[in-house]
Amino acid sequence: MAYDMLNELTSMTDAVGTTKYSCAAASSSAKVGLGAKPKVPIVTIAICCISVLMTSGYILGDHLDYWSSSSKWGSPPPWEVWGGKFWAPISSAFVHFSWYHLALNLCWLWPLGSLVEKHVGRRFWILFFVCSRVVSYGFQLSLTGNPCHGLS
């Protein structure tokens, strides 16, 4: 799989003879792992769009107090998570507390997520996203007592 991803990087030479590198689009539709290789990274696009919408709601919304505002947009306080809000590890991934935080997260998610989705398929990308989020959220909550926010 990593070899295939590296093969996507193709060298191109311009008129001056300088070598430039670009990422070629995956055009194969062969089945791999848990799903077909998509041509358009719909899951990655969806994750980015949901993040923009939820972050916009949080930043532009009422800020009466920190936890009520973040909880309203999907990132509840630790005592609510321990109390049974089992969706918090996933929903809090989409809530960012600043435009800068959102922009930096989307800068890595778009190229990496698109590439992963194209090479392993949509279902595996969703499974990987959910599992890695639950594990990282669980570790941070267990070790620090605070939940994590955003995609990083």
Protein backbone atom coordinates (compact mmCIF):
# COMPACT_ATOMS: atom_id res chain seq x y z
CA MET A 1 0.00 0.00 0.00
CA ALA A 2 2.75 2.49 0.91
CA TYR A 3 4.56 1.56 -2.29
CA ASP A 4 1.42 2.33 -4.31
CA MET A 5 1.08 5.69 -2.55
CA LEU A 6 4.68 6.58 -3.38
CA ASN A 7 4.12 5.58 -6.99
CA GLU A 8 1.40 8.23 -7.14
CA LEU A 9 4.15 10.84 -6.92
CA THR A 10 5.24 11.33 -10.50
CA SER A 11 7.98 13.58 -11.73
CA MET A 12 7.27 16.10 -14.42
CA THR A 13 9.78 18.22 -16.29
CA ASP A 14 8.97 21.73 -17.48
CA ALA A 15 10.44 23.53 -20.51
CA VAL A 16 13.53 24.65 -18.58
CA GLY A 17 14.33 21.10 -17.53
CA THR A 18 13.50 21.49 -13.85
CA THR A 19 11.91 18.47 -12.25
CA LYS A 20 8.68 19.12 -10.39
CA TYR A 21 6.70 16.62 -8.35
CA SER A 22 2.97 16.35 -8.23
CA CYS A 23 0.47 13.92 -6.83
CA ALA A 24 -1.35 12.03 -9.57
CA ALA A 25 -4.99 11.09 -9.08
CA ALA A 26 -5.78 7.46 -8.42
CA SER A 27 -7.82 6.13 -11.28
CA SER A 28 -8.04 2.47 -10.37
CA SER A 29 -11.42 1.10 -9.34
CA ALA A 30 -10.14 -2.28 -8.12
CA LYS A 31 -11.44 -3.58 -4.79
CA VAL A 32 -9.03 -3.21 -1.87
CA GLY A 33 -9.62 -4.07 1.76
CA LEU A 34 -13.07 -2.97 2.87
CA GLY A 35 -14.21 -1.01 -0.18
CA ALA A 36 -13.68 0.11 -3.74
CA LYS A 37 -11.11 2.79 -4.41
CA PRO A 38 -13.07 6.01 -4.91
CA LYS A 39 -12.20 8.60 -7.55
CA VAL A 40 -13.59 11.45 -5.46
CA PRO A 41 -12.75 11.50 -1.73
CA ILE A 42 -16.35 11.97 -0.56
CA VAL A 43 -15.69 10.93 3.06
CA THR A 44 -12.81 13.40 3.36
CA ILE A 45 -14.94 16.14 1.80
CA ALA A 46 -17.76 15.32 4.24
CA ILE A 47 -15.40 15.43 7.26
CA CYS A 48 -14.07 18.82 6.12
CA CYS A 49 -17.55 20.26 5.50
CA ILE A 50 -18.96 19.03 8.82
CA SER A 51 -15.93 20.51 10.59
CA VAL A 52 -16.47 23.89 8.93
CA LEU A 53 -20.19 23.89 9.79
CA MET A 54 -19.79 22.83 13.42
CA THR A 55 -16.87 25.19 14.00
CA SER A 56 -18.83 28.05 12.46
CA GLY A 57 -21.74 27.30 14.77
CA TYR A 58 -19.47 27.23 17.79
CA ILE A 59 -17.43 30.36 16.95
CA LEU A 60 -20.36 32.48 15.73
CA GLY A 61 -22.79 31.26 18.42
CA ASP A 62 -23.48 32.36 21.96
CA HIS A 63 -20.63 32.00 24.43
CA LEU A 64 -22.34 32.21 27.79
CA ASP A 65 -19.84 29.79 29.27
CA TYR A 66 -17.23 27.49 27.81
CA TRP A 67 -18.80 24.09 28.48
CA SER A 68 -22.39 24.97 27.57
CA SER A 69 -21.25 26.44 24.24
CA SER A 70 -18.95 23.54 23.36
CA SER A 71 -21.50 20.96 24.54
CA LYS A 72 -24.18 22.54 22.34
CA TRP A 73 -21.97 21.91 19.28
CA GLY A 74 -20.92 18.35 20.13
CA SER A 75 -18.01 18.64 22.53
CA PRO A 76 -19.43 18.00 26.02
CA PRO A 77 -17.53 18.39 29.29
CA PRO A 78 -15.77 15.36 30.79
CA TRP A 79 -18.42 14.67 33.43
CA GLU A 80 -21.08 14.37 30.70
CA VAL A 81 -18.84 12.02 28.71
CA TRP A 82 -18.29 9.83 31.78
CA GLY A 83 -22.07 10.06 32.34
CA GLY A 84 -22.89 8.40 29.03
CA LYS A 85 -22.53 10.77 26.08
CA PHE A 86 -20.88 8.03 24.05
CA TRP A 87 -20.97 10.04 20.80
CA ALA A 88 -18.61 12.71 22.19
CA PRO A 89 -15.37 11.18 20.87
CA ILE A 90 -16.71 11.43 17.33
CA SER A 91 -18.74 14.66 17.48
CA SER A 92 -15.97 16.61 19.23
CA ALA A 93 -13.62 15.85 16.33
CA PHE A 94 -15.56 18.34 14.23
CA VAL A 95 -15.56 21.21 16.75
CA HIS A 96 -12.57 23.55 16.61
CA PHE A 97 -12.23 26.52 18.94
CA SER A 98 -10.66 28.95 16.45
CA TRP A 99 -10.50 29.51 12.70
CA TYR A 100 -6.73 29.04 12.90
CA HIS A 101 -7.18 25.62 14.56
CA LEU A 102 -9.68 24.60 11.86
CA ALA A 103 -7.47 25.84 9.01
CA LEU A 104 -4.40 23.96 10.24
CA ASN A 105 -6.38 20.75 10.72
CA LEU A 106 -7.94 20.98 7.26
CA CYS A 107 -4.50 21.65 5.73
CA TRP A 108 -3.31 18.19 6.77
CA LEU A 109 -6.66 16.38 6.55
CA TRP A 110 -7.43 17.27 2.94
CA PRO A 111 -4.26 15.88 1.31
CA LEU A 112 -3.71 12.99 3.72
CA GLY A 113 -7.38 11.98 3.98
CA SER A 114 -7.87 12.16 0.22
CA LEU A 115 -4.83 10.00 -0.41
CA VAL A 116 -5.76 7.43 2.23
CA GLU A 117 -9.37 7.28 1.02
CA LYS A 118 -8.28 6.79 -2.59
CA HIS A 119 -5.92 3.96 -1.69
CA VAL A 120 -7.76 1.98 0.97
CA GLY A 121 -11.38 2.77 0.17
CA ARG A 122 -14.16 4.68 1.90
CA ARG A 123 -15.24 2.04 4.40
CA PHE A 124 -11.73 1.45 5.70
CA TRP A 125 -11.10 5.22 5.89
CA ILE A 126 -14.27 5.68 7.98
CA LEU A 127 -13.29 2.74 10.20
CA PHE A 128 -9.77 4.12 10.65
CA PHE A 129 -11.07 7.65 11.36
CA VAL A 130 -13.56 6.46 13.98
CA CYS A 131 -11.18 4.01 15.69
CA SER A 132 -8.25 6.43 15.83
CA ARG A 133 -10.52 9.17 17.16
CA VAL A 134 -12.03 6.97 19.88
CA VAL A 135 -8.59 5.72 20.98
CA SER A 136 -6.95 9.17 21.05
CA TYR A 137 -9.97 10.74 22.78
CA GLY A 138 -10.05 7.94 25.35
CA PHE A 139 -6.35 8.27 26.12
CA GLN A 140 -6.51 12.03 26.53
CA LEU A 141 -9.64 11.87 28.68
CA SER A 142 -8.18 9.10 30.85
CA LEU A 143 -4.75 10.66 31.29
CA THR A 144 -5.60 14.36 31.61
CA GLY A 145 -9.25 14.38 32.62
CA ASN A 146 -10.03 16.69 29.68
CA PRO A 147 -11.55 15.74 26.34
CA CYS A 148 -9.83 16.65 23.09
CA HIS A 149 -11.35 18.83 20.40
CA GLY A 150 -10.75 19.04 16.69
CA LEU A 151 -9.17 16.66 14.21
CA SER A 152 -5.61 16.76 15.50
